[in-house]
N, C-alpha and C. Protein backbone atom coordinates (compact mmCIF):
# COMPACT_ATOMS: atom_id res chain seq x y z
N UNK A 1 -3.13 -13.15 -62.96
CA UNK A 1 -3.11 -11.80 -62.26
C UNK A 1 -4.22 -11.73 -61.40
N UNK A 2 -5.20 -12.01 -61.68
CA UNK A 2 -6.26 -12.06 -60.59
C UNK A 2 -6.07 -12.76 -59.34
N UNK A 3 -5.36 -13.96 -59.43
CA UNK A 3 -5.09 -14.91 -58.46
C UNK A 3 -4.07 -14.08 -57.42
N UNK A 4 -3.06 -13.53 -58.24
CA UNK A 4 -1.83 -12.91 -57.48
C UNK A 4 -2.54 -11.88 -56.63
N UNK A 5 -3.29 -10.82 -57.29
CA UNK A 5 -3.81 -9.91 -56.61
C UNK A 5 -4.79 -10.13 -55.28
N UNK A 6 -5.64 -11.33 -55.49
CA UNK A 6 -6.15 -11.69 -54.36
C UNK A 6 -5.56 -12.48 -53.42
N UNK A 7 -4.35 -13.06 -53.74
CA UNK A 7 -3.54 -13.45 -52.57
C UNK A 7 -2.87 -12.42 -51.76
N UNK A 8 -2.27 -11.51 -52.48
CA UNK A 8 -1.68 -10.23 -51.88
C UNK A 8 -2.88 -9.59 -51.02
N UNK A 9 -3.91 -9.45 -51.55
CA UNK A 9 -4.93 -8.80 -50.64
C UNK A 9 -5.32 -9.69 -49.35
N UNK A 10 -5.42 -10.94 -49.51
CA UNK A 10 -5.75 -11.88 -48.36
C UNK A 10 -4.51 -11.89 -47.51
N UNK A 11 -3.25 -11.71 -48.02
CA UNK A 11 -2.03 -11.44 -47.10
C UNK A 11 -2.06 -10.33 -46.31
N UNK A 12 -2.32 -9.18 -46.99
CA UNK A 12 -2.29 -7.94 -46.25
C UNK A 12 -3.42 -7.93 -45.12
N UNK A 13 -4.49 -8.45 -45.60
CA UNK A 13 -5.63 -8.47 -44.64
C UNK A 13 -5.46 -9.31 -43.49
N UNK A 14 -4.74 -10.18 -43.73
CA UNK A 14 -4.47 -11.38 -42.43
C UNK A 14 -3.53 -10.70 -41.55
N UNK A 15 -2.37 -9.95 -42.10
CA UNK A 15 -1.29 -9.35 -41.36
C UNK A 15 -1.93 -8.26 -40.51
N UNK A 16 -2.87 -7.29 -41.16
CA UNK A 16 -3.43 -6.32 -40.23
C UNK A 16 -4.31 -6.75 -39.13
N UNK A 17 -5.11 -7.82 -39.49
CA UNK A 17 -5.92 -8.40 -38.45
C UNK A 17 -5.15 -8.95 -37.32
N UNK A 18 -4.10 -9.54 -37.72
CA UNK A 18 -3.28 -10.13 -36.52
C UNK A 18 -2.61 -8.86 -35.79
N UNK A 19 -2.18 -7.92 -36.43
CA UNK A 19 -1.64 -6.72 -35.87
C UNK A 19 -2.45 -6.17 -34.78
N UNK A 20 -3.88 -6.09 -35.25
CA UNK A 20 -4.87 -5.39 -34.54
C UNK A 20 -5.13 -6.26 -33.28
N UNK A 21 -5.06 -7.64 -33.37
CA UNK A 21 -5.11 -8.51 -32.42
C UNK A 21 -4.23 -8.45 -31.27
N UNK A 22 -2.95 -8.21 -31.60
CA UNK A 22 -1.89 -8.13 -30.76
C UNK A 22 -1.81 -6.84 -29.99
N UNK A 23 -2.22 -5.66 -30.76
CA UNK A 23 -2.33 -4.51 -30.13
C UNK A 23 -3.52 -4.61 -29.01
N UNK A 24 -4.78 -5.09 -29.20
CA UNK A 24 -5.82 -5.36 -28.45
C UNK A 24 -5.14 -5.92 -26.92
N UNK A 25 -4.43 -7.11 -27.29
CA UNK A 25 -3.76 -8.02 -26.02
C UNK A 25 -2.89 -7.01 -25.18
N UNK A 26 -2.31 -6.06 -25.91
CA UNK A 26 -1.20 -5.27 -25.35
C UNK A 26 -1.97 -4.36 -24.46
N UNK A 27 -3.08 -3.55 -24.85
CA UNK A 27 -3.92 -2.86 -24.21
C UNK A 27 -4.65 -3.48 -22.93
N UNK A 28 -4.99 -4.71 -23.04
CA UNK A 28 -5.50 -5.46 -22.01
C UNK A 28 -4.50 -5.73 -20.83
N UNK A 29 -3.30 -6.01 -21.25
CA UNK A 29 -2.18 -6.29 -20.60
C UNK A 29 -1.77 -5.01 -19.63
N UNK A 30 -1.85 -4.03 -20.19
CA UNK A 30 -1.63 -2.62 -19.54
C UNK A 30 -2.92 -2.29 -18.81
N UNK A 31 -4.03 -2.61 -19.01
CA UNK A 31 -5.16 -2.48 -18.04
C UNK A 31 -5.05 -3.32 -16.81
N UNK A 32 -4.73 -4.53 -17.06
CA UNK A 32 -4.57 -5.55 -15.92
C UNK A 32 -3.24 -5.14 -15.06
N UNK A 33 -2.21 -4.65 -15.57
CA UNK A 33 -1.06 -4.29 -14.83
C UNK A 33 -1.55 -3.01 -13.82
N UNK A 34 -2.25 -2.13 -14.43
CA UNK A 34 -2.83 -0.94 -13.68
C UNK A 34 -3.67 -1.41 -12.70
N UNK A 35 -4.48 -2.28 -12.93
CA UNK A 35 -5.41 -2.91 -11.86
C UNK A 35 -4.57 -3.50 -10.61
N UNK A 36 -3.77 -4.03 -11.20
CA UNK A 36 -2.96 -4.80 -9.93
C UNK A 36 -2.12 -3.93 -9.22
N UNK A 37 -1.64 -2.87 -9.91
CA UNK A 37 -0.77 -1.86 -9.22
C UNK A 37 -1.77 -1.34 -8.21
N UNK A 38 -2.89 -0.85 -8.77
CA UNK A 38 -3.80 -0.21 -7.81
C UNK A 38 -4.35 -1.05 -6.64
N UNK A 39 -4.49 -2.32 -6.71
CA UNK A 39 -4.87 -3.30 -5.72
C UNK A 39 -3.80 -3.48 -4.60
N UNK A 40 -2.45 -3.30 -5.30
CA UNK A 40 -1.32 -3.41 -4.27
C UNK A 40 -1.15 -2.23 -3.63
N UNK A 41 -1.48 -1.03 -4.14
CA UNK A 41 -1.26 0.17 -3.60
C UNK A 41 -2.35 0.30 -2.24
N UNK A 42 -3.76 -0.13 -2.71
CA UNK A 42 -4.59 -0.25 -1.37
C UNK A 42 -4.31 -0.99 -0.34
N UNK A 43 -3.57 -2.43 -0.75
CA UNK A 43 -3.46 -3.29 0.37
C UNK A 43 -2.28 -2.73 1.18
N UNK A 44 -1.05 -2.06 0.52
CA UNK A 44 -0.11 -1.51 1.27
C UNK A 44 -0.60 -0.26 2.30
N UNK A 45 -1.37 0.60 1.50
CA UNK A 45 -2.02 1.88 2.38
C UNK A 45 -2.88 1.05 3.60
N UNK A 46 -3.65 0.07 3.35
CA UNK A 46 -4.28 -0.41 4.50
C UNK A 46 -3.37 -0.91 5.48
N UNK A 47 -2.11 -1.51 5.27
CA UNK A 47 -1.28 -2.22 6.31
C UNK A 47 -0.46 -1.01 6.88
N UNK A 48 -0.32 -0.13 6.23
CA UNK A 48 0.24 1.28 6.82
C UNK A 48 -0.78 1.76 7.91
N UNK A 49 -1.83 1.93 7.51
CA UNK A 49 -3.09 2.46 8.42
C UNK A 49 -2.91 1.48 9.72
N UNK A 50 -3.01 0.21 9.60
CA UNK A 50 -3.26 -0.72 10.74
C UNK A 50 -1.99 -0.54 11.42
N UNK A 51 -0.78 -0.58 11.00
CA UNK A 51 0.51 -0.48 11.86
C UNK A 51 0.55 0.80 12.53
N UNK A 52 0.17 2.08 11.79
CA UNK A 52 0.07 3.27 12.40
C UNK A 52 -0.90 3.20 13.58
N UNK A 53 -1.95 2.80 13.54
CA UNK A 53 -2.95 2.74 14.59
C UNK A 53 -2.32 1.98 15.76
N UNK A 54 -1.65 0.68 15.49
CA UNK A 54 -1.43 0.05 16.56
C UNK A 54 0.00 0.68 17.17
N UNK A 55 0.80 1.51 16.50
CA UNK A 55 1.99 2.13 17.12
C UNK A 55 1.40 3.36 17.92
N UNK A 56 0.51 3.94 17.24
CA UNK A 56 -0.21 5.09 18.20
C UNK A 56 -0.92 4.54 19.58
N UNK A 57 -1.26 3.60 19.45
CA UNK A 57 -2.06 3.16 20.59
C UNK A 57 -1.08 2.67 21.72
N UNK A 58 0.16 1.83 21.22
CA UNK A 58 1.02 1.40 22.07
C UNK A 58 1.86 2.65 22.77
N UNK A 59 1.92 3.70 21.92
CA UNK A 59 2.57 5.01 22.36
C UNK A 59 1.67 5.61 23.59
N UNK A 60 0.51 5.67 23.20
CA UNK A 60 -0.55 6.31 24.07
C UNK A 60 -0.31 5.51 25.48
N UNK A 61 -0.48 4.16 25.30
CA UNK A 61 -0.34 3.25 26.53
C UNK A 61 0.89 3.47 27.27
N UNK A 62 1.94 3.50 26.66
CA UNK A 62 3.34 3.81 27.20
C UNK A 62 3.35 5.13 28.03
N UNK A 63 3.01 6.04 27.29
CA UNK A 63 2.98 7.32 27.88
C UNK A 63 2.25 7.38 29.14
N UNK A 64 1.06 6.90 29.04
CA UNK A 64 0.26 6.86 30.34
C UNK A 64 0.91 6.11 31.32
N UNK A 65 1.51 5.09 31.20
CA UNK A 65 2.13 4.11 32.21
C UNK A 65 3.43 5.14 32.81
N UNK A 66 4.11 5.70 31.85
CA UNK A 66 5.02 6.50 32.32
C UNK A 66 4.72 7.60 33.21
N UNK A 67 3.71 8.25 32.73
CA UNK A 67 3.27 9.45 33.46
C UNK A 67 2.55 8.95 34.90
N UNK A 68 2.11 7.91 35.07
CA UNK A 68 1.71 7.34 36.32
C UNK A 68 2.90 6.91 37.13
N UNK A 69 3.87 6.12 36.58
CA UNK A 69 5.11 5.86 37.26
C UNK A 69 5.82 7.16 37.88
N UNK A 70 5.74 8.21 36.99
CA UNK A 70 6.52 9.50 37.47
C UNK A 70 5.79 10.03 38.48
N UNK A 71 4.39 10.05 38.41
CA UNK A 71 3.76 10.77 39.62
C UNK A 71 3.98 9.74 40.85
N UNK A 72 3.89 8.67 40.63
CA UNK A 72 4.20 7.76 41.91
C UNK A 72 5.45 8.14 42.55
N UNK A 73 6.46 8.17 41.78
CA UNK A 73 7.91 8.47 42.18
C UNK A 73 7.87 9.78 42.71
N UNK A 74 7.39 10.70 42.29
CA UNK A 74 7.44 12.07 42.61
C UNK A 74 6.49 12.15 44.03
N UNK A 75 5.65 11.39 44.20
CA UNK A 75 4.75 11.29 45.53
C UNK A 75 5.66 10.61 46.75
N UNK A 76 6.31 9.69 46.00
CA UNK A 76 7.39 8.87 46.96
C UNK A 76 8.59 9.91 47.58
N UNK A 77 9.03 10.34 46.52
CA UNK A 77 10.23 11.54 46.97
C UNK A 77 9.62 12.73 47.68
N UNK A 78 8.26 13.18 47.40
CA UNK A 78 7.77 14.19 48.32
C UNK A 78 7.71 13.65 49.68
N UNK A 79 7.20 12.46 50.00
CA UNK A 79 6.97 11.80 51.28
C UNK A 79 8.60 11.87 52.08
N UNK A 80 9.50 11.33 51.22
CA UNK A 80 10.65 11.09 51.91
C UNK A 80 11.23 12.77 52.38
N UNK A 81 11.10 13.60 51.43
CA UNK A 81 11.39 15.00 51.84
C UNK A 81 10.81 15.53 53.16
N UNK A 82 9.46 15.07 53.14
CA UNK A 82 8.78 15.35 54.17
C UNK A 82 9.16 14.84 55.66
N UNK A 83 9.52 13.59 55.43
CA UNK A 83 10.01 12.91 56.77
C UNK A 83 11.26 13.38 57.14
N UNK A 84 12.09 13.73 56.29
CA UNK A 84 13.44 14.09 56.67
C UNK A 84 13.38 15.57 57.15
N UNK A 85 12.42 16.37 56.82
CA UNK A 85 12.35 17.86 57.44
C UNK A 85 11.47 17.75 58.65
N UNK A 86 10.91 16.82 59.28
CA UNK A 86 10.22 16.83 60.57
C UNK A 86 11.08 16.42 61.44
């Protein structure tokens, strides 16, 4: 009877310890997944920031170029009108 009780106790104790170890592993997996997600979000945000700066710079450059070209053509047209009116 004593042997049976000790065996049952040892079996229950072994099951509870292994269940606890599995739960701890699952918690760590969740922490790792959260950390990986955080890192991915940071990298994505960094890429968006870099792309936005590049696009804004290109837009600014293109706008200046268009404004200069427009001013040049406006000046040319004004000169043509002036020549025709003289």
